[in-house]
Amino acid sequence: MTTNWLWPRIFAHRGAGRLAPENTLAALREGARLGARGLECDVKLTRDGVCALLHDDSLERTTDGHGPAAMLDWTDWAQLDAGSWHSPAYAGEPPASLRAIAHACRALGHAINIEIKPCPGREAETGRVVAGQCAALWADAPLPPLLSSFSFETLLAARQAAVQLPRGWLVEAVPPDWHDKLQALDARALHCWHEALSAAQVAEIKAAGYAVFCYTVNTPARAQELFSWGVDALCTDYPDQLTPARCGIG
């Protein structure tokens, strides 16, 4: 395991995003209840610049809202139902702000990986604002949030806004220029789709001094294999099934 990896090795994807409405306080609390010490969520900006949790660029899939997420102010966004799409038990669950998630995470003593997901055309702005908010919200925390994004521009802006916060660059498959990009971002880790990753690539990335984080791993057997390659951490939709003991990491 890379010596500079400070976070848990298993993260609950979008909270416990299959077991509760993803990217809500309910999902975060469910992931924590199931034993996950690391939580992952997606953050973008509302029209008026509030950091809020949502994966998609539009509202339809996970709320009762309609249209582009970037066209709604937080006061209206906060009135949406972000739970009924999942199941009746979560009807009325509100969307979560980054501020609320930070307070909950810190109260629980849990680590967090914040994936910055900018709406189209707001890449640099979102990186800058989310990183600045994270720096303030976790200012005196013993363990900082790990920031990640598929957008190089977004992560570069996050670095400029809060150089002290660790970063991980998200990719599907490991690109030929991975080393140059990680250097430019002063990143801590490469985050890669586990099915596009090989043991040889893991060894090469780690030999260069970077950590490897995999998404989204949903069977203990695959998690055991990845950890045997030297992968530092992964996220899963099923934190109830991918426990440290079942993944072979104690």
Protein backbone atom coordinates (compact mmCIF):
# COMPACT_ATOMS: atom_id res chain seq x y z
CA MET A 1 0.00 0.00 0.00
CA THR A 2 1.30 3.44 -0.90
CA THR A 3 2.81 5.04 2.20
CA ASN A 4 1.01 8.36 1.67
CA TRP A 5 -2.49 6.81 1.62
CA LEU A 6 -4.20 8.19 4.72
CA TRP A 7 -7.84 7.34 4.02
CA PRO A 8 -9.95 4.19 4.50
CA ARG A 9 -9.55 1.50 1.87
CA ILE A 10 -13.27 1.04 1.23
CA PHE A 11 -15.62 3.92 0.39
CA ALA A 12 -19.41 3.81 0.11
CA HIS A 13 -20.26 5.06 -3.40
CA ARG A 14 -22.62 8.08 -3.37
CA GLY A 15 -23.15 7.29 0.30
CA ALA A 16 -24.86 3.91 0.21
CA GLY A 17 -26.35 4.91 -3.13
CA ARG A 18 -28.03 1.61 -3.99
CA LEU A 19 -29.45 1.08 -0.51
CA ALA A 20 -30.71 4.65 0.02
CA PRO A 21 -31.22 7.62 -2.31
CA GLU A 22 -27.77 8.46 -3.65
CA ASN A 23 -26.01 11.68 -2.66
CA THR A 24 -28.32 12.43 0.25
CA LEU A 25 -27.78 12.62 3.98
CA ALA A 26 -29.84 9.45 4.25
CA ALA A 27 -27.41 7.58 1.99
CA LEU A 28 -24.41 8.90 3.88
CA ARG A 29 -25.86 7.83 7.20
CA GLU A 30 -26.80 4.40 5.82
CA GLY A 31 -23.27 3.89 4.55
CA ALA A 32 -21.92 4.81 7.97
CA ARG A 33 -24.45 2.54 9.69
CA LEU A 34 -23.27 -0.36 7.55
CA GLY A 35 -19.71 0.17 8.69
CA ALA A 36 -18.12 2.15 5.87
CA ARG A 37 -15.46 4.47 7.24
CA GLY A 38 -15.10 6.26 3.92
CA LEU A 39 -17.92 7.97 2.03
CA GLU A 40 -17.99 9.23 -1.56
CA CYS A 41 -20.31 11.82 -3.07
CA ASP A 42 -20.75 14.02 -6.15
CA VAL A 43 -20.80 17.82 -5.85
CA LYS A 44 -21.74 20.51 -8.37
CA LEU A 45 -22.95 24.10 -8.26
CA THR A 46 -26.47 25.45 -8.24
CA ARG A 47 -27.20 28.50 -10.39
CA ASP A 48 -26.39 30.81 -7.49
CA GLY A 49 -23.12 29.05 -6.67
CA VAL A 50 -24.10 26.80 -3.75
CA CYS A 51 -22.22 23.49 -3.54
CA ALA A 52 -24.84 20.73 -3.66
CA LEU A 53 -24.85 16.97 -4.12
CA LEU A 54 -26.00 15.56 -7.45
CA HIS A 55 -24.49 13.18 -9.98
CA ASP A 56 -26.34 14.08 -13.18
CA ASP A 57 -26.41 17.37 -15.06
CA SER A 58 -30.22 17.22 -15.02
CA LEU A 59 -32.64 16.77 -12.15
CA GLU A 60 -35.05 14.13 -13.44
CA ARG A 61 -33.40 10.83 -12.46
CA THR A 62 -32.94 11.44 -8.74
CA THR A 63 -35.38 14.23 -7.85
CA ASP A 64 -38.89 15.36 -8.75
CA GLY A 65 -37.38 18.40 -10.48
CA HIS A 66 -36.98 18.92 -14.21
CA GLY A 67 -34.38 20.43 -16.47
CA PRO A 68 -30.70 21.32 -16.05
CA ALA A 69 -29.47 21.37 -12.48
CA ALA A 70 -27.43 24.52 -13.17
CA MET A 71 -30.61 26.50 -13.88
CA LEU A 72 -31.98 26.23 -10.33
CA ASP A 73 -31.03 28.33 -7.31
CA TRP A 74 -30.41 26.54 -4.03
CA THR A 75 -33.60 27.85 -2.40
CA ASP A 76 -35.62 26.02 -5.07
CA TRP A 77 -33.29 23.02 -5.29
CA ALA A 78 -33.63 22.48 -1.53
CA GLN A 79 -37.41 22.07 -1.89
CA LEU A 80 -37.11 19.07 -4.23
CA ASP A 81 -37.89 15.49 -3.26
CA ALA A 82 -34.66 13.51 -3.69
CA GLY A 83 -35.93 10.29 -2.13
CA SER A 84 -39.19 9.10 -3.71
CA TRP A 85 -37.46 7.87 -6.88
CA HIS A 86 -35.60 5.33 -4.75
CA SER A 87 -38.40 3.94 -2.58
CA PRO A 88 -41.47 5.08 -0.60
CA ALA A 89 -39.50 4.84 2.65
CA TYR A 90 -37.42 7.84 1.57
CA ALA A 91 -40.20 10.02 0.18
CA GLY A 92 -39.50 13.66 0.93
CA GLU A 93 -35.75 13.22 1.54
CA PRO A 94 -34.31 16.61 0.57
CA PRO A 95 -31.23 17.26 -1.53
CA ALA A 96 -28.04 17.76 0.46
CA SER A 97 -25.67 20.69 0.45
CA LEU A 98 -21.94 20.21 0.81
CA ARG A 99 -22.12 22.12 4.08
CA ALA A 100 -24.62 19.62 5.53
CA ILE A 101 -22.53 16.68 4.36
CA ALA A 102 -19.40 18.16 5.89
CA HIS A 103 -21.09 18.62 9.25
CA ALA A 104 -22.47 15.06 9.19
CA CYS A 105 -19.16 13.52 8.13
CA ARG A 106 -17.22 15.35 10.75
CA ALA A 107 -19.74 14.43 13.45
CA LEU A 108 -19.45 10.78 12.43
CA GLY A 109 -15.66 10.92 12.22
CA HIS A 110 -15.75 9.62 8.64
CA ALA A 111 -13.46 10.30 5.72
CA ILE A 112 -14.86 11.56 2.43
CA ASN A 113 -13.97 11.51 -1.26
CA ILE A 114 -15.67 14.41 -3.01
CA GLU A 115 -16.03 13.95 -6.74
CA ILE A 116 -16.38 17.37 -8.33
CA LYS A 117 -18.87 17.04 -11.20
CA PRO A 118 -19.18 20.38 -13.00
CA CYS A 119 -22.15 21.15 -15.19
CA PRO A 120 -21.09 21.87 -18.79
CA GLY A 121 -19.26 25.17 -19.13
CA ARG A 122 -18.63 25.55 -15.40
CA GLU A 123 -15.51 23.39 -15.07
CA ALA A 124 -13.04 25.90 -13.63
CA GLU A 125 -15.65 27.75 -11.57
CA THR A 126 -16.88 24.53 -9.95
CA GLY A 127 -13.38 23.33 -9.13
CA ARG A 128 -12.50 26.64 -7.57
CA VAL A 129 -15.68 27.03 -5.51
CA VAL A 130 -15.91 23.43 -4.28
CA ALA A 131 -12.25 23.35 -3.27
CA GLY A 132 -12.58 26.66 -1.46
CA GLN A 133 -15.65 25.45 0.42
CA CYS A 134 -13.93 22.18 1.34
CA ALA A 135 -10.90 24.04 2.65
CA ALA A 136 -13.15 26.10 4.91
CA LEU A 137 -15.44 23.29 6.04
CA TRP A 138 -12.58 20.91 6.90
CA ALA A 139 -10.12 23.61 7.99
CA ASP A 140 -9.17 22.00 11.29
CA ALA A 141 -10.04 18.39 10.47
CA PRO A 142 -7.46 15.69 11.23
CA LEU A 143 -8.05 14.16 7.78
CA PRO A 144 -8.82 16.37 4.77
CA PRO A 145 -11.35 15.43 2.09
CA LEU A 146 -9.93 13.80 -1.03
CA LEU A 147 -11.01 15.76 -4.12
CA SER A 148 -11.42 13.99 -7.46
CA SER A 149 -12.81 14.76 -10.90
CA PHE A 150 -12.83 13.48 -14.46
CA SER A 151 -12.22 17.07 -15.56
CA PHE A 152 -8.56 18.05 -15.70
CA GLU A 153 -9.57 21.73 -15.87
CA THR A 154 -11.71 21.35 -12.76
CA LEU A 155 -8.94 19.72 -10.74
CA LEU A 156 -6.42 22.30 -11.88
CA ALA A 157 -8.73 25.05 -10.62
CA ALA A 158 -9.22 23.14 -7.37
CA ARG A 159 -5.46 22.98 -6.93
CA GLN A 160 -5.14 26.72 -7.46
CA ALA A 161 -7.93 27.44 -4.96
CA ALA A 162 -6.81 25.04 -2.22
CA VAL A 163 -3.39 23.62 -2.92
CA GLN A 164 -3.30 21.97 0.51
CA LEU A 165 -6.17 19.60 -0.30
CA PRO A 166 -5.23 16.23 -1.84
CA ARG A 167 -6.45 15.42 -5.34
CA GLY A 168 -7.14 12.30 -7.40
CA TRP A 169 -7.61 12.37 -11.17
CA LEU A 170 -10.51 10.24 -12.39
CA VAL A 171 -10.17 8.28 -15.62
CA GLU A 172 -11.90 5.35 -17.21
CA ALA A 173 -8.81 3.67 -18.62
CA VAL A 174 -5.24 4.67 -17.75
CA PRO A 175 -4.14 7.13 -20.49
CA PRO A 176 -0.64 7.20 -21.98
CA ASP A 177 0.07 10.61 -20.42
CA TRP A 178 -1.11 9.68 -16.93
CA HIS A 179 2.21 10.55 -15.31
CA ASP A 180 2.41 14.03 -16.88
CA LYS A 181 -1.19 14.79 -15.92
CA LEU A 182 -0.74 13.67 -12.32
CA GLN A 183 2.40 15.78 -12.05
CA ALA A 184 0.65 18.84 -13.47
CA LEU A 185 -2.15 18.43 -10.94
CA ASP A 186 0.22 17.61 -8.08
CA ALA A 187 -2.24 14.77 -7.51
CA ARG A 188 -2.05 12.10 -4.85
CA ALA A 189 -3.81 9.32 -6.74
CA LEU A 190 -5.15 8.02 -10.02
CA HIS A 191 -8.79 6.89 -9.80
CA CYS A 192 -9.60 4.28 -12.45
CA TRP A 193 -12.46 2.01 -13.53
CA HIS A 194 -11.46 -1.35 -12.13
CA GLU A 195 -12.36 -3.31 -15.26
CA ALA A 196 -9.93 -1.26 -17.36
CA LEU A 197 -7.01 -1.79 -15.00
CA SER A 198 -4.24 -4.41 -14.93
CA ALA A 199 -1.87 -5.53 -12.22
CA ALA A 200 1.06 -4.25 -14.30
CA GLN A 201 -0.48 -0.78 -14.50
CA VAL A 202 -1.05 -0.70 -10.76
CA ALA A 203 2.59 -1.61 -10.18
CA GLU A 204 3.79 1.09 -12.59
CA ILE A 205 1.62 3.83 -11.06
CA LYS A 206 2.62 2.93 -7.53
CA ALA A 207 6.30 2.73 -8.46
CA ALA A 208 5.99 6.35 -9.59
CA GLY A 209 4.78 7.27 -6.10
CA TYR A 210 1.02 7.58 -6.70
CA ALA A 211 -1.87 5.78 -5.09
CA VAL A 212 -4.51 3.84 -7.05
CA PHE A 213 -8.23 4.13 -6.28
CA CYS A 214 -10.76 1.94 -8.13
CA TYR A 215 -14.44 2.38 -8.91
CA THR A 216 -17.03 0.82 -8.65
CA VAL A 217 -16.28 -2.63 -7.20
CA ASN A 218 -19.23 -4.72 -6.08
CA THR A 219 -17.97 -8.22 -5.32
CA PRO A 220 -15.62 -9.27 -2.50
CA ALA A 221 -13.71 -11.58 -4.86
CA ARG A 222 -12.84 -8.71 -7.20
CA ALA A 223 -11.94 -6.47 -4.27
CA GLN A 224 -9.56 -9.14 -2.94
CA GLU A 225 -7.90 -9.40 -6.34
CA LEU A 226 -7.45 -5.63 -6.65
CA PHE A 227 -6.04 -5.31 -3.15
CA SER A 228 -3.62 -8.15 -3.93
CA TRP A 229 -2.34 -6.07 -6.87
CA GLY A 230 -1.60 -3.21 -4.49
CA VAL A 231 -4.67 -1.02 -5.09
CA ASP A 232 -4.94 1.41 -2.20
CA ALA A 233 -8.70 1.95 -2.04
CA LEU A 234 -11.97 1.40 -3.85
CA CYS A 235 -15.58 2.48 -3.74
CA THR A 236 -18.58 0.17 -3.74
CA ASP A 237 -22.34 0.34 -4.04
CA TYR A 238 -22.63 -2.35 -1.38
CA PRO A 239 -20.75 -1.44 1.81
CA ASP A 240 -22.78 -4.08 3.61
CA GLN A 241 -21.12 -6.77 1.49
CA LEU A 242 -17.65 -5.35 0.86
CA THR A 243 -16.46 -5.22 4.43
CA PRO A 244 -12.73 -5.17 5.22
CA ALA A 245 -12.87 -8.76 6.47
CA ARG A 246 -14.59 -10.01 3.30
CA CYS A 247 -12.17 -8.07 1.12
CA GLY A 248 -9.15 -9.64 2.80
CA ILE A 249 -7.77 -6.51 4.44
CA GLY A 250 -8.46 -7.34 8.07
